[in-house]
Amino acid sequence: GLSTSSPWRTIQKVNSAFSTLKPGDKILFRRGDTFYGTINITKSGVSGSPITLGSYGTGDKPVITGFTTLSGWTNEGGGIFSKSVNTGEQTNMVAVNGVQVAKGRYPDAGTNLTFESYTSSPRTITDNGLGDAINWTGAEAVININDWVLDRCLITAHKGDVLTYSNLGSGDIPYQAGRYYFIQNDIRCLTRENEWFHSVSDGKFYIYGDPSAKTVRISTIETLIYCSNHDYITIDGLSFTGASLFAIHFSS
């Protein structure tokens, strides 16, 4: 790790050696390379001598990534393919051939559903005509709570035209009736090319359309650099991609 001829190869090695670093030390990643994982900063620099995370060499900035490339797909039928993934957390970022793609949703993008009334306890919305031929319990309702909030909400019950939900986001109730919503996070929402659904409960990632000739990458890491109660850290010349929560998270 002290020369370009014998570098450390992984973020895991960086983390295991962090406790030995001193103020003024630098950890430099080679330009043009990609490194998977979370860098856990466990030492502080001092004023005038920070610990630096940076780069060396020529070319593109080194990439710290949370993306995992999937292959070896199972045909589930109906245009849907699956891959077993065990991330523990639901992914919220997927790229196909380098382009970010969205979760499947009902109705398809470009149109929305509308609720005519709501209650705050229990939290429900009523969409006249929705019906329960498809029971959406366990999926998410993305509700336009007000002009500036789209709140992701877990559907806990579905009966007739009424969806009962619990907030995953803002915790607000709708500002008024007549606002829009849509449904996502359910395999039955997959109807268009590259729409996806990740089921944590059965450990599978699903995508619509044959992905075997595509490069499918999903975010499997929440945070790429984490630092708690450490100071005088410089981050320079690095690129970050595929964090499902934070690229860089400093807390105190």
C-alpha atoms as a PDB file:
ATOM      1  CA  GLY A   1       0.000   0.000   0.000  1.00  0.00           C
ATOM      2  CA  LEU A   2       3.002   2.348  -0.028  1.00  0.00           C
ATOM      3  CA  SER A   3       3.831   2.220  -3.741  1.00  0.00           C
ATOM      4  CA  THR A   4       2.082   1.979  -7.097  1.00  0.00           C
ATOM      5  CA  SER A   5       3.715  -1.401  -7.643  1.00  0.00           C
ATOM      6  CA  SER A   6       2.109  -2.993  -4.562  1.00  0.00           C
ATOM      7  CA  PRO A   7      -1.161  -1.179  -3.885  1.00  0.00           C
ATOM      8  CA  TRP A   8      -3.979  -2.221  -1.627  1.00  0.00           C
ATOM      9  CA  ARG A   9      -6.756  -3.637  -3.761  1.00  0.00           C
ATOM     10  CA  THR A  10      -9.962  -3.261  -1.768  1.00  0.00           C
ATOM     11  CA  ILE A  11     -11.876  -0.863   0.435  1.00  0.00           C
ATOM     12  CA  GLN A  12     -11.957  -3.622   3.046  1.00  0.00           C
ATOM     13  CA  LYS A  13      -8.164  -3.350   3.296  1.00  0.00           C
ATOM     14  CA  VAL A  14      -8.418   0.423   3.670  1.00  0.00           C
ATOM     15  CA  ASN A  15     -10.901   0.036   6.518  1.00  0.00           C
ATOM     16  CA  SER A  16      -8.764  -2.532   8.326  1.00  0.00           C
ATOM     17  CA  ALA A  17      -5.763  -0.187   8.204  1.00  0.00           C
ATOM     18  CA  PHE A  18      -7.544   3.044   9.108  1.00  0.00           C
ATOM     19  CA  SER A  19      -6.723   2.738  12.795  1.00  0.00           C
ATOM     20  CA  THR A  20      -3.002   3.018  11.994  1.00  0.00           C
ATOM     21  CA  LEU A  21      -3.287   6.267  10.022  1.00  0.00           C
ATOM     22  CA  LYS A  22      -1.807   9.514  11.312  1.00  0.00           C
ATOM     23  CA  PRO A  23      -2.634  13.163  10.594  1.00  0.00           C
ATOM     24  CA  GLY A  24      -1.292  14.084   7.165  1.00  0.00           C
ATOM     25  CA  ASP A  25      -1.612  10.561   5.748  1.00  0.00           C
ATOM     26  CA  LYS A  26      -3.264  10.079   2.364  1.00  0.00           C
ATOM     27  CA  ILE A  27      -5.198   7.173   0.923  1.00  0.00           C
ATOM     28  CA  LEU A  28      -5.083   7.496  -2.861  1.00  0.00           C
ATOM     29  CA  PHE A  29      -7.190   5.479  -5.287  1.00  0.00           C
ATOM     30  CA  ARG A  30      -5.913   4.868  -8.806  1.00  0.00           C
ATOM     31  CA  ARG A  31      -7.670   6.850 -11.500  1.00  0.00           C
ATOM     32  CA  GLY A  32      -9.611   4.734 -13.964  1.00  0.00           C
ATOM     33  CA  ASP A  33     -10.430   2.059 -11.363  1.00  0.00           C
ATOM     34  CA  THR A  34     -13.687   1.245  -9.561  1.00  0.00           C
ATOM     35  CA  PHE A  35     -13.916   0.187  -5.910  1.00  0.00           C
ATOM     36  CA  TYR A  36     -16.971  -1.384  -4.259  1.00  0.00           C
ATOM     37  CA  GLY A  37     -17.842  -0.835  -0.620  1.00  0.00           C
ATOM     38  CA  THR A  38     -18.192   1.618   2.254  1.00  0.00           C
ATOM     39  CA  ILE A  39     -15.174   3.542   3.527  1.00  0.00           C
ATOM     40  CA  ASN A  40     -15.460   3.794   7.313  1.00  0.00           C
ATOM     41  CA  ILE A  41     -13.418   6.719   8.620  1.00  0.00           C
ATOM     42  CA  THR A  42     -12.256   5.940  12.152  1.00  0.00           C
ATOM     43  CA  LYS A  43      -9.401   8.426  12.658  1.00  0.00           C
ATOM     44  CA  SER A  44      -9.132  12.227  12.653  1.00  0.00           C
ATOM     45  CA  GLY A  45      -6.529  14.488  11.154  1.00  0.00           C
ATOM     46  CA  VAL A  46      -5.558  17.787  12.744  1.00  0.00           C
ATOM     47  CA  SER A  47      -5.685  21.395  11.607  1.00  0.00           C
ATOM     48  CA  GLY A  48      -3.192  21.810   8.764  1.00  0.00           C
ATOM     49  CA  SER A  49      -2.674  18.021   8.453  1.00  0.00           C
ATOM     50  CA  PRO A  50      -5.923  16.359   7.454  1.00  0.00           C
ATOM     51  CA  ILE A  51      -6.312  12.723   6.513  1.00  0.00           C
ATOM     52  CA  THR A  52      -6.972  12.777   2.784  1.00  0.00           C
ATOM     53  CA  LEU A  53      -8.955  10.444   0.543  1.00  0.00           C
ATOM     54  CA  GLY A  54      -7.875  11.249  -2.990  1.00  0.00           C
ATOM     55  CA  SER A  55      -6.557   9.885  -6.276  1.00  0.00           C
ATOM     56  CA  TYR A  56      -3.360   9.266  -8.211  1.00  0.00           C
ATOM     57  CA  GLY A  57      -2.429   8.508 -11.793  1.00  0.00           C
ATOM     58  CA  THR A  58      -4.109   9.766 -14.957  1.00  0.00           C
ATOM     59  CA  GLY A  59      -7.538   9.393 -16.506  1.00  0.00           C
ATOM     60  CA  ASP A  60     -11.022   9.430 -15.051  1.00  0.00           C
ATOM     61  CA  LYS A  61     -11.541   9.893 -11.350  1.00  0.00           C
ATOM     62  CA  PRO A  62     -11.587   6.635  -9.383  1.00  0.00           C
ATOM     63  CA  VAL A  63     -15.136   5.515  -8.636  1.00  0.00           C
ATOM     64  CA  ILE A  64     -16.396   4.449  -5.222  1.00  0.00           C
ATOM     65  CA  THR A  65     -19.518   2.461  -5.977  1.00  0.00           C
ATOM     66  CA  GLY A  66     -22.431   0.723  -4.317  1.00  0.00           C
ATOM     67  CA  PHE A  67     -23.616  -0.868  -7.552  1.00  0.00           C
ATOM     68  CA  THR A  68     -23.668  -4.639  -8.038  1.00  0.00           C
ATOM     69  CA  THR A  69     -23.983  -6.053 -11.557  1.00  0.00           C
ATOM     70  CA  LEU A  70     -26.555  -8.854 -11.864  1.00  0.00           C
ATOM     71  CA  SER A  71     -26.398 -11.837 -14.205  1.00  0.00           C
ATOM     72  CA  GLY A  72     -27.736 -15.380 -14.353  1.00  0.00           C
ATOM     73  CA  TRP A  73     -31.422 -14.607 -14.677  1.00  0.00           C
ATOM     74  CA  THR A  74     -34.465 -16.874 -14.138  1.00  0.00           C
ATOM     75  CA  ASN A  75     -37.426 -16.556 -16.505  1.00  0.00           C
ATOM     76  CA  GLU A  76     -40.524 -16.194 -14.299  1.00  0.00           C
ATOM     77  CA  GLY A  77     -42.904 -16.047 -17.285  1.00  0.00           C
ATOM     78  CA  GLY A  78     -45.086 -13.207 -18.495  1.00  0.00           C
ATOM     79  CA  GLY A  79     -42.040 -11.182 -19.557  1.00  0.00           C
ATOM     80  CA  ILE A  80     -40.633 -11.054 -16.000  1.00  0.00           C
ATOM     81  CA  PHE A  81     -37.143 -12.238 -15.037  1.00  0.00           C
ATOM     82  CA  SER A  82     -35.638 -12.601 -11.574  1.00  0.00           C
ATOM     83  CA  LYS A  83     -32.289 -12.789  -9.804  1.00  0.00           C
ATOM     84  CA  SER A  84     -31.666 -13.737  -6.182  1.00  0.00           C
ATOM     85  CA  VAL A  85     -30.138 -10.884  -4.184  1.00  0.00           C
ATOM     86  CA  ASN A  86     -29.617 -10.763  -0.438  1.00  0.00           C
ATOM     87  CA  THR A  87     -28.976  -7.132   0.450  1.00  0.00           C
ATOM     88  CA  GLY A  88     -31.101  -6.928   3.604  1.00  0.00           C
ATOM     89  CA  GLU A  89     -32.365  -3.545   2.442  1.00  0.00           C
ATOM     90  CA  GLN A  90     -34.574  -2.707  -0.495  1.00  0.00           C
ATOM     91  CA  THR A  91     -32.687  -1.165  -3.374  1.00  0.00           C
ATOM     92  CA  ASN A  92     -33.927   2.172  -4.674  1.00  0.00           C
ATOM     93  CA  MET A  93     -31.535   2.697  -7.576  1.00  0.00           C
ATOM     94  CA  VAL A  94     -31.253   0.590 -10.721  1.00  0.00           C
ATOM     95  CA  ALA A  95     -29.355   1.289 -13.940  1.00  0.00           C
ATOM     96  CA  VAL A  96     -29.746  -0.606 -17.214  1.00  0.00           C
ATOM     97  CA  ASN A  97     -26.960  -0.072 -19.745  1.00  0.00           C
ATOM     98  CA  GLY A  98     -25.863   2.947 -17.744  1.00  0.00           C
ATOM     99  CA  VAL A  99     -29.291   4.621 -17.643  1.00  0.00           C
ATOM    100  CA  GLN A 100     -31.264   4.893 -14.413  1.00  0.00           C
ATOM    101  CA  VAL A 101     -34.668   3.183 -14.670  1.00  0.00           C
ATOM    102  CA  ALA A 102     -37.758   3.392 -12.495  1.00  0.00           C
ATOM    103  CA  LYS A 103     -39.771   0.962 -10.429  1.00  0.00           C
ATOM    104  CA  GLY A 104     -42.835  -0.481 -12.054  1.00  0.00           C
ATOM    105  CA  ARG A 105     -45.979   1.445 -11.182  1.00  0.00           C
ATOM    106  CA  TYR A 106     -49.761   1.323 -11.642  1.00  0.00           C
ATOM    107  CA  PRO A 107     -51.004   3.039 -13.653  1.00  0.00           C
ATOM    108  CA  ASP A 108     -48.049   3.397 -16.009  1.00  0.00           C
ATOM    109  CA  ALA A 109     -46.041   6.615 -15.988  1.00  0.00           C
ATOM    110  CA  GLY A 110     -47.909   9.499 -17.590  1.00  0.00           C
ATOM    111  CA  THR A 111     -51.201   8.869 -15.801  1.00  0.00           C
ATOM    112  CA  ASN A 112     -52.252   8.780 -12.147  1.00  0.00           C
ATOM    113  CA  LEU A 113     -55.122   7.711  -9.919  1.00  0.00           C
ATOM    114  CA  THR A 114     -57.198  10.173  -7.880  1.00  0.00           C
ATOM    115  CA  PHE A 115     -58.715   9.800  -4.413  1.00  0.00           C
ATOM    116  CA  GLU A 116     -62.047  11.438  -3.643  1.00  0.00           C
ATOM    117  CA  SER A 117     -61.775  11.347   0.161  1.00  0.00           C
ATOM    118  CA  TYR A 118     -59.413  10.488   3.002  1.00  0.00           C
ATOM    119  CA  THR A 119     -59.287   9.935   6.760  1.00  0.00           C
ATOM    120  CA  SER A 120     -56.474  10.632   9.215  1.00  0.00           C
ATOM    121  CA  SER A 121     -57.172   7.931  11.831  1.00  0.00           C
ATOM    122  CA  PRO A 122     -56.830   5.330  10.496  1.00  0.00           C
ATOM    123  CA  ARG A 123     -54.995   6.753   7.513  1.00  0.00           C
ATOM    124  CA  THR A 124     -56.992   5.910   4.421  1.00  0.00           C
ATOM    125  CA  ILE A 125     -57.709   7.179   0.942  1.00  0.00           C
ATOM    126  CA  THR A 126     -60.844   6.280  -1.015  1.00  0.00           C
ATOM    127  CA  ASP A 127     -60.696   6.067  -4.801  1.00  0.00           C
ATOM    128  CA  ASN A 128     -64.191   5.542  -6.140  1.00  0.00           C
ATOM    129  CA  GLY A 129     -63.995   2.778  -8.719  1.00  0.00           C
ATOM    130  CA  LEU A 130     -60.592   1.364  -7.727  1.00  0.00           C
ATOM    131  CA  GLY A 131     -62.148  -1.880  -6.535  1.00  0.00           C
ATOM    132  CA  ASP A 132     -60.239  -4.772  -5.010  1.00  0.00           C
ATOM    133  CA  ALA A 133     -60.045  -7.217  -7.911  1.00  0.00           C
ATOM    134  CA  ILE A 134     -56.323  -6.648  -7.392  1.00  0.00           C
ATOM    135  CA  ASN A 135     -55.585  -6.536  -3.678  1.00  0.00           C
ATOM    136  CA  TRP A 136     -52.707  -4.078  -3.255  1.00  0.00           C
ATOM    137  CA  THR A 137     -51.961  -4.911   0.399  1.00  0.00           C
ATOM    138  CA  GLY A 138     -48.181  -4.867   0.862  1.00  0.00           C
ATOM    139  CA  ALA A 139     -47.506  -2.551  -2.067  1.00  0.00           C
ATOM    140  CA  GLU A 140     -46.812   1.182  -1.788  1.00  0.00           C
ATOM    141  CA  ALA A 141     -49.148   4.069  -2.510  1.00  0.00           C
ATOM    142  CA  VAL A 142     -47.214   7.161  -3.573  1.00  0.00           C
ATOM    143  CA  ILE A 143     -49.559   9.957  -2.506  1.00  0.00           C
ATOM    144  CA  ASN A 144     -49.436  13.594  -3.559  1.00  0.00           C
ATOM    145  CA  ILE A 145     -49.967  14.784   0.025  1.00  0.00           C
ATOM    146  CA  ASN A 146     -49.628  18.447  -0.946  1.00  0.00           C
ATOM    147  CA  ASP A 147     -48.088  20.570  -3.687  1.00  0.00           C
ATOM    148  CA  TRP A 148     -44.517  19.736  -2.656  1.00  0.00           C
ATOM    149  CA  VAL A 149     -44.697  16.205  -1.203  1.00  0.00           C
ATOM    150  CA  LEU A 150     -45.001  12.783  -2.817  1.00  0.00           C
ATOM    151  CA  ASP A 151     -45.164  10.498   0.201  1.00  0.00           C
ATOM    152  CA  ARG A 152     -44.309   6.807  -0.068  1.00  0.00           C
ATOM    153  CA  CYS A 153     -46.835   4.884   2.033  1.00  0.00           C
ATOM    154  CA  LEU A 154     -47.098   1.166   2.822  1.00  0.00           C
ATOM    155  CA  ILE A 155     -50.558  -0.178   1.977  1.00  0.00           C
ATOM    156  CA  THR A 156     -51.546  -2.169   5.083  1.00  0.00           C
ATOM    157  CA  ALA A 157     -55.070  -3.109   3.942  1.00  0.00           C
ATOM    158  CA  HIS A 158     -57.211  -2.894   0.820  1.00  0.00           C
ATOM    159  CA  LYS A 159     -60.956  -3.357   0.886  1.00  0.00           C
ATOM    160  CA  GLY A 160     -63.265  -2.208  -1.884  1.00  0.00           C
ATOM    161  CA  ASP A 161     -62.221   1.284  -2.931  1.00  0.00           C
ATOM    162  CA  VAL A 162     -60.374   2.014   0.330  1.00  0.00           C
ATOM    163  CA  LEU A 163     -56.612   1.788   0.879  1.00  0.00           C
ATOM    164  CA  THR A 164     -55.368   1.875   4.476  1.00  0.00           C
ATOM    165  CA  TYR A 165     -51.742   2.917   4.750  1.00  0.00           C
ATOM    166  CA  SER A 166     -48.864   3.873   7.023  1.00  0.00           C
ATOM    167  CA  ASN A 167     -46.437   6.643   6.098  1.00  0.00           C
ATOM    168  CA  LEU A 168     -42.871   5.824   5.142  1.00  0.00           C
ATOM    169  CA  GLY A 169     -41.920   9.443   4.466  1.00  0.00           C
ATOM    170  CA  SER A 170     -43.270  12.764   5.675  1.00  0.00           C
ATOM    171  CA  GLY A 171     -45.915  11.542   8.106  1.00  0.00           C
ATOM    172  CA  ASP A 172     -48.357  14.147   6.792  1.00  0.00           C
ATOM    173  CA  ILE A 173     -51.970  13.566   5.838  1.00  0.00           C
ATOM    174  CA  PRO A 174     -53.357  14.814   2.511  1.00  0.00           C
ATOM    175  CA  TYR A 175     -53.928  18.534   2.241  1.00  0.00           C
ATOM    176  CA  GLN A 176     -57.225  18.039   0.429  1.00  0.00           C
ATOM    177  CA  ALA A 177     -59.283  15.443  -1.427  1.00  0.00           C
ATOM    178  CA  GLY A 178     -58.996  15.137  -5.185  1.00  0.00           C
ATOM    179  CA  ARG A 179     -55.215  14.806  -5.237  1.00  0.00           C
ATOM    180  CA  TYR A 180     -53.390  12.124  -7.179  1.00  0.00           C
ATOM    181  CA  TYR A 181     -51.519   8.951  -6.266  1.00  0.00           C
ATOM    182  CA  PHE A 182     -50.102   5.835  -7.880  1.00  0.00           C
ATOM    183  CA  ILE A 183     -49.151   2.342  -6.729  1.00  0.00           C
ATOM    184  CA  GLN A 184     -45.671   0.788  -6.888  1.00  0.00           C
ATOM    185  CA  ASN A 185     -43.380  -1.791  -5.294  1.00  0.00           C
ATOM    186  CA  ASP A 186     -45.328  -4.833  -6.412  1.00  0.00           C
ATOM    187  CA  ILE A 187     -44.519  -7.411  -9.066  1.00  0.00           C
ATOM    188  CA  ARG A 188     -47.928  -6.833 -10.660  1.00  0.00           C
ATOM    189  CA  CYS A 189     -46.797  -3.311 -11.578  1.00  0.00           C
ATOM    190  CA  LEU A 190     -44.223  -4.663 -14.047  1.00  0.00           C
ATOM    191  CA  THR A 191     -45.636  -4.103 -17.527  1.00  0.00           C
ATOM    192  CA  ARG A 192     -42.988  -2.090 -19.404  1.00  0.00           C
ATOM    193  CA  GLU A 193     -39.403  -2.736 -20.499  1.00  0.00           C
ATOM    194  CA  ASN A 194     -36.880  -2.390 -17.646  1.00  0.00           C
ATOM    195  CA  GLU A 195     -39.459  -1.699 -14.929  1.00  0.00           C
ATOM    196  CA  TRP A 196     -38.319  -3.417 -11.742  1.00  0.00           C
ATOM    197  CA  PHE A 197     -39.333  -4.618  -8.285  1.00  0.00           C
ATOM    198  CA  HIS A 198     -37.120  -5.762  -5.408  1.00  0.00           C
ATOM    199  CA  SER A 199     -38.718  -8.114  -2.894  1.00  0.00           C
ATOM    200  CA  VAL A 200     -36.648  -8.190   0.286  1.00  0.00           C
ATOM    201  CA  SER A 201     -38.942 -10.818   1.813  1.00  0.00           C
ATOM    202  CA  ASP A 202     -38.148 -13.457  -0.825  1.00  0.00           C
ATOM    203  CA  GLY A 203     -34.675 -12.148  -1.648  1.00  0.00           C
ATOM    204  CA  LYS A 204     -35.330 -11.552  -5.330  1.00  0.00           C
ATOM    205  CA  PHE A 205     -34.982  -8.720  -7.795  1.00  0.00           C
ATOM    206  CA  TYR A 206     -37.467  -8.715 -10.684  1.00  0.00           C
ATOM    207  CA  ILE A 207     -37.286  -6.884 -14.004  1.00  0.00           C
ATOM    208  CA  TYR A 208     -39.589  -6.757 -17.033  1.00  0.00           C
ATOM    209  CA  GLY A 209     -38.045  -7.727 -20.361  1.00  0.00           C
ATOM    210  CA  ASP A 210     -35.198 -10.151 -21.026  1.00  0.00           C
ATOM    211  CA  PRO A 211     -32.099  -8.637 -19.325  1.00  0.00           C
ATOM    212  CA  SER A 212     -29.611 -11.287 -20.458  1.00  0.00           C
ATOM    213  CA  ALA A 213     -28.022  -9.030 -23.097  1.00  0.00           C
ATOM    214  CA  LYS A 214     -28.139  -5.931 -20.870  1.00  0.00           C
ATOM    215  CA  THR A 215     -25.936  -4.600 -18.090  1.00  0.00           C
ATOM    216  CA  VAL A 216     -28.186  -4.399 -15.037  1.00  0.00           C
ATOM    217  CA  ARG A 217     -26.735  -2.788 -11.912  1.00  0.00           C
ATOM    218  CA  ILE A 218     -28.546  -2.296  -8.620  1.00  0.00           C
ATOM    219  CA  SER A 219     -27.501  -0.329  -5.571  1.00  0.00           C
ATOM    220  CA  THR A 220     -26.647  -2.691  -2.713  1.00  0.00           C
ATOM    221  CA  ILE A 221     -24.928  -0.230  -0.346  1.00  0.00           C
ATOM    222  CA  GLU A 222     -26.566   2.625   1.548  1.00  0.00           C
ATOM    223  CA  THR A 223     -23.515   4.817   2.261  1.00  0.00           C
ATOM    224  CA  LEU A 224     -20.163   5.023   0.456  1.00  0.00           C
ATOM    225  CA  ILE A 225     -18.193   7.112   2.966  1.00  0.00           C
ATOM    226  CA  TYR A 226     -19.215   7.136   6.627  1.00  0.00           C
ATOM    227  CA  CYS A 227     -17.608   9.267   9.324  1.00  0.00           C
ATOM    228  CA  SER A 228     -18.848   9.720  12.889  1.00  0.00           C
ATOM    229  CA  ASN A 229     -17.147  12.130  15.303  1.00  0.00           C
ATOM    230  CA  HIS A 230     -13.906  12.481  13.348  1.00  0.00           C
ATOM    231  CA  ASP A 231     -12.559  15.769  12.041  1.00  0.00           C
ATOM    232  CA  TYR A 232     -10.114  17.230   9.529  1.00  0.00           C
ATOM    233  CA  ILE A 233     -10.899  14.834   6.693  1.00  0.00           C
ATOM    234  CA  THR A 234     -10.329  15.907   3.073  1.00  0.00           C
ATOM    235  CA  ILE A 235     -12.093  14.152   0.189  1.00  0.00           C
ATOM    236  CA  ASP A 236     -10.804  15.222  -3.220  1.00  0.00           C
ATOM    237  CA  GLY A 237     -10.768  13.828  -6.744  1.00  0.00           C
ATOM    238  CA  LEU A 238     -13.141  10.899  -6.202  1.00  0.00           C
ATOM    239  CA  SER A 239     -16.380  10.005  -7.960  1.00  0.00           C
ATOM    240  CA  PHE A 240     -19.351   8.300  -6.281  1.00  0.00           C
ATOM    241  CA  THR A 241     -22.159   6.227  -7.730  1.00  0.00           C
ATOM    242  CA  GLY A 242     -24.770   3.723  -6.620  1.00  0.00           C
ATOM    243  CA  ALA A 243     -25.381   4.808  -3.011  1.00  0.00           C
ATOM    244  CA  SER A 244     -28.971   4.054  -2.067  1.00  0.00           C
ATOM    245  CA  LEU A 245     -28.975   6.562   0.814  1.00  0.00           C
ATOM    246  CA  PHE A 246     -25.840   8.740   1.164  1.00  0.00           C
ATOM    247  CA  ALA A 247     -22.731   9.062  -0.983  1.00  0.00           C
ATOM    248  CA  ILE A 248     -20.974  10.773   1.946  1.00  0.00           C
ATOM    249  CA  HIS A 249     -22.345  10.843   5.496  1.00  0.00           C
ATOM    250  CA  PHE A 250     -20.618  12.836   8.233  1.00  0.00           C
ATOM    251  CA  SER A 251     -22.287  12.823  11.658  1.00  0.00           C
ATOM    252  CA  SER A 252     -21.369  14.070  15.105  1.00  0.00           C
END
